Protein backbone atom coordinates (compact mmCIF):
# COMPACT_ATOMS: atom_id res chain seq x y z
CA UNK A 1 -5.71 -22.47 6.57
CA UNK A 2 -7.22 -21.87 3.10
CA UNK A 3 -10.39 -23.06 1.33
CA UNK A 4 -11.03 -23.12 -2.44
CA UNK A 5 -13.97 -21.30 -3.70
CA UNK A 6 -15.01 -21.55 -7.34
CA UNK A 7 -18.70 -20.68 -8.01
CA UNK A 8 -20.88 -18.17 -9.62
CA UNK A 9 -22.60 -15.68 -7.31
CA UNK A 10 -25.75 -14.30 -8.77
CA UNK A 11 -26.95 -15.40 -12.35
CA UNK A 12 -25.52 -15.87 -15.76
CA UNK A 13 -27.14 -12.62 -16.79
CA UNK A 14 -25.64 -10.63 -13.85
CA UNK A 15 -23.31 -12.48 -11.86
CA UNK A 16 -19.78 -12.63 -10.35
CA UNK A 17 -17.57 -15.59 -10.84
CA UNK A 18 -15.25 -15.98 -7.81
CA UNK A 19 -12.31 -18.43 -8.24
CA UNK A 20 -9.99 -17.95 -5.33
CA UNK A 21 -8.46 -19.30 -2.29
CA UNK A 22 -10.09 -17.96 1.02
CA UNK A 23 -8.10 -17.57 4.19
CA UNK A 24 -9.38 -18.55 7.46
CA UNK A 25 -10.10 -15.10 9.31
CA UNK A 26 -10.94 -14.20 13.02
CA UNK A 27 -14.57 -14.01 13.98
CA UNK A 28 -14.03 -10.49 15.39
CA UNK A 29 -11.69 -7.73 14.22
CA UNK A 30 -11.05 -4.15 15.42
CA UNK A 31 -12.03 -1.05 13.68
CA UNK A 32 -9.21 1.42 14.06
CA UNK A 33 -8.79 5.19 13.99
CA UNK A 34 -5.53 6.70 13.16
CA UNK A 35 -4.40 10.23 14.10
CA UNK A 36 -0.98 11.96 14.18
CA UNK A 37 1.70 10.81 16.65
CA UNK A 38 2.93 12.57 19.62
CA UNK A 39 5.93 10.48 20.45
CA UNK A 40 8.28 10.92 17.41
CA UNK A 41 11.08 13.40 17.92
CA UNK A 42 14.68 14.04 16.80
CA UNK A 43 15.88 11.21 18.94
CA UNK A 44 13.85 8.73 17.13
CA UNK A 45 15.08 9.94 13.69
CA UNK A 46 18.69 9.87 15.01
CA UNK A 47 18.16 6.26 15.92
CA UNK A 48 16.70 5.57 12.41
CA UNK A 49 19.92 7.04 10.87
CA UNK A 50 22.05 5.07 13.11
CA UNK A 51 24.62 7.85 13.45
CA UNK A 52 26.11 9.97 16.19
CA UNK A 53 27.21 12.94 14.13
CA UNK A 54 23.78 14.15 13.13
CA UNK A 55 22.58 17.76 12.13
CA UNK A 56 19.33 19.27 12.04
CA UNK A 57 18.94 20.71 8.52
CA UNK A 58 15.32 21.74 8.67
CA UNK A 59 15.77 25.46 8.17
CA UNK A 60 18.09 25.25 5.31
CA UNK A 61 15.91 22.43 3.56
CA UNK A 62 12.84 24.67 3.92
CA UNK A 63 14.51 27.66 2.64
CA UNK A 64 15.69 25.79 -0.55
CA UNK A 65 12.25 24.25 -1.04
CA UNK A 66 10.79 27.75 -0.87
CA UNK A 67 13.39 29.03 -3.41
CA UNK A 68 12.62 26.13 -5.80
CA UNK A 69 8.81 26.78 -5.44
CA UNK A 70 9.05 30.48 -6.13
CA UNK A 71 11.09 29.74 -9.35
CA UNK A 72 8.17 27.66 -10.83
CA UNK A 73 5.56 29.03 -13.02
CA UNK A 74 2.05 28.84 -11.62
CA UNK A 75 1.06 26.02 -13.96
CA UNK A 76 4.17 24.11 -12.94
CA UNK A 77 3.38 24.03 -9.32
CA UNK A 78 2.15 20.65 -8.05
CA UNK A 79 -1.34 20.36 -6.58
CA UNK A 80 -1.53 19.93 -2.85
CA UNK A 81 -3.05 16.60 -2.01
CA UNK A 82 -5.17 16.09 1.21
CA UNK A 83 -3.12 14.56 3.89
CA UNK A 84 -3.43 13.06 7.40
CA UNK A 85 -1.61 14.98 10.22
CA UNK A 86 -0.55 18.63 11.26
CA UNK A 87 2.14 20.80 9.87
CA UNK A 88 5.07 19.15 11.71
CA UNK A 89 8.25 18.90 9.77
CA UNK A 90 11.91 18.28 10.60
CA UNK A 91 14.89 16.64 8.76
CA UNK A 92 18.28 15.38 10.11
CA UNK A 93 21.39 14.48 8.22
CA UNK A 94 24.71 12.95 8.89
CA UNK A 95 26.26 13.97 5.67
CA UNK A 96 25.42 10.78 3.79
CA UNK A 97 21.93 9.66 5.22
CA UNK A 98 18.84 11.78 5.71
CA UNK A 99 15.64 11.14 7.67
CA UNK A 100 12.59 13.33 7.99
CA UNK A 101 9.36 13.36 9.83
CA UNK A 102 6.35 14.98 8.32
CA UNK A 103 2.83 15.78 9.50
CA UNK A 104 3.44 13.46 12.52
CA UNK A 105 2.29 10.53 10.26
CA UNK A 106 4.95 10.20 7.59
CA UNK A 107 8.68 9.28 7.80
CA UNK A 108 11.23 9.18 5.02
CA UNK A 109 14.91 7.75 5.04
CA UNK A 110 17.63 7.82 2.38
CA UNK A 111 21.14 6.68 2.19
CA UNK A 112 22.45 8.87 -0.64
CA UNK A 113 25.27 6.60 -1.71
CA UNK A 114 23.05 3.53 -1.95
CA UNK A 115 20.34 5.31 -3.73
CA UNK A 116 22.67 6.75 -6.21
CA UNK A 117 23.87 3.24 -7.14
CA UNK A 118 20.18 1.99 -7.41
CA UNK A 119 19.22 5.04 -9.53
CA UNK A 120 21.83 4.06 -12.14
CA UNK A 121 20.03 0.83 -12.96
CA UNK A 122 16.43 1.82 -12.02
CA UNK A 123 14.29 1.06 -15.10
CA UNK A 124 17.41 0.31 -17.21
CA UNK A 125 18.07 -3.12 -15.78
CA UNK A 126 15.35 -5.87 -16.45
CA UNK A 127 12.57 -5.41 -14.04
CA UNK A 128 11.55 -8.94 -12.49
CA UNK A 129 8.42 -9.05 -10.82
CA UNK A 130 8.88 -11.34 -7.71
CA UNK A 131 5.66 -10.67 -5.94
CA UNK A 132 4.28 -13.65 -4.32
CA UNK A 133 6.95 -15.70 -6.15
CA UNK A 134 9.69 -15.55 -3.62
CA UNK A 135 12.63 -14.30 -5.74
CA UNK A 136 14.54 -14.73 -8.96
CA UNK A 137 16.66 -17.80 -8.90
CA UNK A 138 19.71 -15.92 -9.98
CA UNK A 139 19.38 -12.95 -7.55
CA UNK A 140 22.64 -11.78 -5.85
CA UNK A 141 20.86 -11.88 -2.52
CA UNK A 142 17.68 -13.19 -1.28
CA UNK A 143 14.36 -11.30 -0.77
CA UNK A 144 14.34 -12.63 2.73
CA UNK A 145 17.41 -10.79 3.62
CA UNK A 146 16.08 -7.64 1.97
CA UNK A 147 12.81 -7.92 3.98
CA UNK A 148 14.82 -8.55 7.22
CA UNK A 149 16.89 -5.28 6.71
CA UNK A 150 13.71 -3.20 5.81
CA UNK A 151 11.90 -4.63 8.96
CA UNK A 152 14.92 -3.76 11.22
CA UNK A 153 14.48 -0.08 10.04
CA UNK A 154 10.82 -0.17 10.48
CA UNK A 155 11.11 -1.58 14.01
CA UNK A 156 12.86 1.55 15.12
CA UNK A 157 9.47 3.37 14.24
CA UNK A 158 7.61 0.66 16.23
CA UNK A 159 6.33 -0.97 12.89
CA UNK A 160 6.76 -4.77 13.15
CA UNK A 161 5.28 -6.25 9.89
CA UNK A 162 4.58 -5.27 6.35
CA UNK A 163 1.83 -6.38 3.86
CA UNK A 164 3.63 -6.44 0.44
CA UNK A 165 1.87 -5.07 -2.64
CA UNK A 166 4.48 -5.39 -5.32
CA UNK A 167 8.24 -6.37 -5.19
CA UNK A 168 10.52 -6.00 -8.20
CA UNK A 169 14.18 -7.05 -8.43
CA UNK A 170 16.81 -5.07 -10.50
CA UNK A 171 20.25 -6.24 -11.17
CA UNK A 172 22.87 -4.92 -13.79
CA UNK A 173 26.57 -5.44 -13.43
CA UNK A 174 27.66 -5.34 -9.57
CA UNK A 175 24.42 -3.38 -8.67
CA UNK A 176 21.30 -5.09 -7.40
CA UNK A 177 18.23 -4.12 -5.30
CA UNK A 178 14.66 -4.87 -4.53
CA UNK A 179 11.91 -2.15 -4.85
CA UNK A 180 9.32 -3.21 -2.34
CA UNK A 181 5.75 -1.53 -2.04
CA UNK A 182 3.90 -2.20 0.98
CA UNK A 183 1.39 -1.10 3.59
CA UNK A 184 1.27 -1.51 7.42
CA UNK A 185 -0.13 -4.51 9.34
CA UNK A 186 -2.33 -4.18 12.39
CA UNK A 187 -3.06 -7.30 14.42
CA UNK A 188 -2.25 -9.55 11.62
CA UNK A 189 -4.41 -7.70 8.93
CA UNK A 190 -2.74 -5.72 6.46
CA UNK A 191 -4.13 -2.41 5.13
CA UNK A 192 -5.39 -2.43 1.52
CA UNK A 193 -2.84 -1.81 -1.11
CA UNK A 194 -4.52 -2.99 -4.43
CA UNK A 195 -6.84 0.08 -4.89
CA UNK A 196 -7.28 0.25 -8.56
CA UNK A 197 -7.80 3.90 -9.63
CA UNK A 198 -6.68 6.42 -6.82
CA UNK A 199 -9.27 9.10 -6.10
CA UNK A 200 -8.56 12.67 -4.95
CA UNK A 201 -9.02 13.09 -1.31
CA UNK A 202 -7.96 9.33 -0.57
CA UNK A 203 -5.14 8.86 2.06
CA UNK A 204 -3.45 5.67 1.49
CA UNK A 205 -0.94 4.50 4.01
CA UNK A 206 1.47 3.00 1.65
CA UNK A 207 5.29 2.51 1.94
CA UNK A 208 7.96 1.99 -0.65
CA UNK A 209 11.62 1.02 -0.20
CA UNK A 210 14.66 0.25 -2.26
CA UNK A 211 16.84 -2.33 -0.37
CA UNK A 212 20.42 -3.49 -1.58
CA UNK A 213 22.49 -6.08 -0.19
CA UNK A 214 24.36 -3.41 1.85
CA UNK A 215 21.29 -2.09 3.55
CA UNK A 216 18.11 0.14 3.00
CA UNK A 217 18.89 2.69 0.26
CA UNK A 218 15.58 4.71 0.61
CA UNK A 219 12.33 4.36 2.46
CA UNK A 220 9.05 6.57 2.18
CA UNK A 221 6.31 5.78 4.62
CA UNK A 222 3.16 7.31 3.51
CA UNK A 223 3.51 9.99 0.84
CA UNK A 224 0.07 11.65 2.00
CA UNK A 225 0.36 10.61 5.70
CA UNK A 226 -1.00 7.89 7.60
CA UNK A 227 1.60 5.01 7.49
CA UNK A 228 3.09 6.07 10.88
CA UNK A 229 -0.21 7.31 12.42
CA UNK A 230 -1.15 6.38 15.96
CA UNK A 231 -4.13 4.32 17.00
CA UNK A 232 -6.32 6.49 19.16
CA UNK A 233 -9.54 4.52 19.25
CA UNK A 234 -10.61 0.92 18.56
CA UNK A 235 -13.63 -1.07 18.77
CA UNK A 236 -14.12 -4.92 18.26
CA UNK A 237 -16.88 -6.04 15.70
CA UNK A 238 -18.05 -9.35 14.48
CA UNK A 239 -17.32 -9.70 10.73
CA UNK A 240 -19.14 -11.42 7.95
CA UNK A 241 -18.10 -15.00 7.08
CA UNK A 242 -17.43 -15.46 3.31
CA UNK A 243 -20.65 -17.39 2.94
CA UNK A 244 -22.55 -14.43 4.40
CA UNK A 245 -20.51 -12.17 1.86
CA UNK A 246 -21.76 -14.15 -1.03
CA UNK A 247 -25.38 -13.59 0.26
CA UNK A 248 -24.86 -9.92 0.34
CA UNK A 249 -23.32 -9.91 -3.04
CA UNK A 250 -26.17 -11.96 -4.46
CA UNK A 251 -28.72 -9.32 -2.97
CA UNK A 252 -26.75 -6.54 -4.67
CA UNK A 253 -26.64 -8.22 -7.97
CA UNK A 254 -30.24 -9.11 -7.86
CA UNK A 255 -31.25 -5.48 -7.11
CA UNK A 256 -29.04 -4.10 -9.78
CA UNK A 257 -26.82 -2.23 -7.30
CA UNK A 258 -23.82 -4.31 -8.54
CA UNK A 259 -23.05 -5.13 -12.22
CA UNK A 260 -21.14 -8.27 -12.81
CA UNK A 261 -19.85 -10.42 -15.72
CA UNK A 262 -20.44 -14.08 -15.03
CA UNK A 263 -17.53 -15.13 -17.37
CA UNK A 264 -14.76 -13.09 -15.90
CA UNK A 265 -12.94 -14.70 -13.02
CA UNK A 266 -12.27 -12.75 -10.03
CA UNK A 267 -9.20 -14.50 -8.67
CA UNK A 268 -8.35 -12.92 -5.38
CA UNK A 269 -10.11 -12.66 -2.03
CA UNK A 270 -8.66 -11.07 1.18
CA UNK A 271 -9.69 -9.61 4.48
CA UNK A 272 -8.02 -6.00 4.82
CA UNK A 273 -8.24 -2.81 6.56
CA UNK A 274 -9.70 -0.27 4.05
CA UNK A 275 -8.61 3.35 4.89
CA UNK A 276 -11.28 6.16 4.82
CA UNK A 277 -10.10 9.72 5.40
CA UNK A 278 -12.59 11.87 7.25
CA UNK A 279 -12.60 14.71 9.82
CA UNK A 280 -8.80 14.73 10.01
CA UNK A 281 -8.75 10.99 10.90
CA UNK A 282 -8.16 7.74 9.04
CA UNK A 283 -10.66 5.19 9.69
CA UNK A 284 -9.42 1.74 8.93
CA UNK A 285 -12.39 -0.45 8.71
CA UNK A 286 -12.30 -4.31 8.04
CA UNK A 287 -13.30 -5.07 4.49
CA UNK A 288 -13.72 -7.98 2.28
CA UNK A 289 -11.84 -7.42 -0.98
CA UNK A 290 -12.84 -9.48 -4.12
CA UNK A 291 -10.86 -8.62 -7.19
CA UNK A 292 -8.63 -9.34 -10.02
CA UNK A 293 -5.25 -7.68 -9.77
CA UNK A 294 -4.97 -4.55 -12.01
CA UNK A 295 -1.80 -5.79 -13.58
CA UNK A 296 -3.72 -9.01 -14.63
CA UNK A 297 -6.75 -6.98 -16.05
CA UNK A 298 -4.38 -4.61 -17.88
CA UNK A 299 -2.47 -7.52 -19.45
CA UNK A 300 -5.78 -9.16 -20.47
CA UNK A 301 -6.96 -5.88 -22.08
CA UNK A 302 -3.68 -5.50 -23.91
CA UNK A 303 -3.88 -9.01 -25.16
CA UNK A 304 -7.27 -8.38 -26.60
CA UNK A 305 -9.11 -10.82 -24.38
CA UNK A 306 -12.72 -10.65 -25.39
CA UNK A 307 -14.18 -11.32 -21.78
CA UNK A 308 -12.22 -8.52 -20.29
CA UNK A 309 -12.95 -6.26 -23.16
CA UNK A 310 -16.62 -6.84 -22.45
CA UNK A 311 -15.95 -6.18 -18.76
CA UNK A 312 -14.35 -2.83 -19.43
CA UNK A 313 -16.95 -1.84 -22.03
CA UNK A 314 -19.95 -2.75 -19.72
CA UNK A 315 -18.45 -1.30 -16.53
CA UNK A 316 -18.87 -4.71 -14.74
CA UNK A 317 -17.27 -4.98 -11.37
CA UNK A 318 -13.70 -6.28 -11.11
CA UNK A 319 -12.49 -4.72 -7.87
CA UNK A 320 -15.02 -4.95 -4.92
CA UNK A 321 -14.51 -3.71 -1.30
CA UNK A 322 -17.27 -4.57 1.00
CA UNK A 323 -17.47 -3.50 4.53
CA UNK A 324 -16.87 -6.65 6.68
CA UNK A 325 -19.12 -5.56 9.44
CA UNK A 326 -22.18 -3.69 7.85
CA UNK A 327 -22.13 -5.41 4.38
CA UNK A 328 -22.01 -1.95 2.55
CA UNK A 329 -20.09 -1.46 -0.65
CA UNK A 330 -17.06 0.78 0.01
CA UNK A 331 -15.74 0.83 -3.42
CA UNK A 332 -16.51 -0.78 -6.85
CA UNK A 333 -14.70 -0.57 -10.02
């Protein structure tokens, strides 16, 4: 059930105009802590590959990686980012497909034949954004079918649902595929995936997949860990209702803690889990997210929209994460 909210929070001089559909949310939500898993092994990866004739190629893979690393100049070597998990790594192959498990929190999968086909048209074929729109009317196969195949792969890893961030469809000649960016879902609530600018030190449990009509071409779950983390602790907390959220925002605006632009509409409101990386753990705290999608803001700036030009110049808030339990500001852009 959704309710429409269209009102100014704060004042004309310093306010936030929220114009969005508000989902009905539970009264209590668990705060989760993710750590590395202890129940993933080669048997699980073999199941993910769906093959009997599988070989462990970890040693030769690491040897090749080390060789390529040593051949790079110092300024060419990529910076190592913080990640969630330990130093675990192994990779299996059946000669066509590969699957790896890293840090005990990250899984990748690739079907080389299918991925090569996709790569031929990626960024060459028209990029059709079907996020929230279902699918292209002329698509060779349905988004529902693509998501079904992706969820079958994820089910092997005990992941049963996804929270889509962006979905693009590509088609050229006889090749077609969906690129799906997504985050995990816990107890019906998705992990945040519209972050705005990424900050060094953040661990974002995001996944991305290329899915063809023949199956999943590639899948990467957590480039810096977390997607496949294991819940080790959880506590249930009462969360703020949206009317309470607007009261808290009004107080922040009145005190000058938050700077708004009363003419710029923030068009999205959602309850999500926000990931906070601390002390080798990933805390997933329930958060109210009030924002305008980054792509929409960029489009407005590119078109010379005067209101959003002013938002950018003044540093007014367009992307707000508010702790749904304490009311503290988690992130503001």
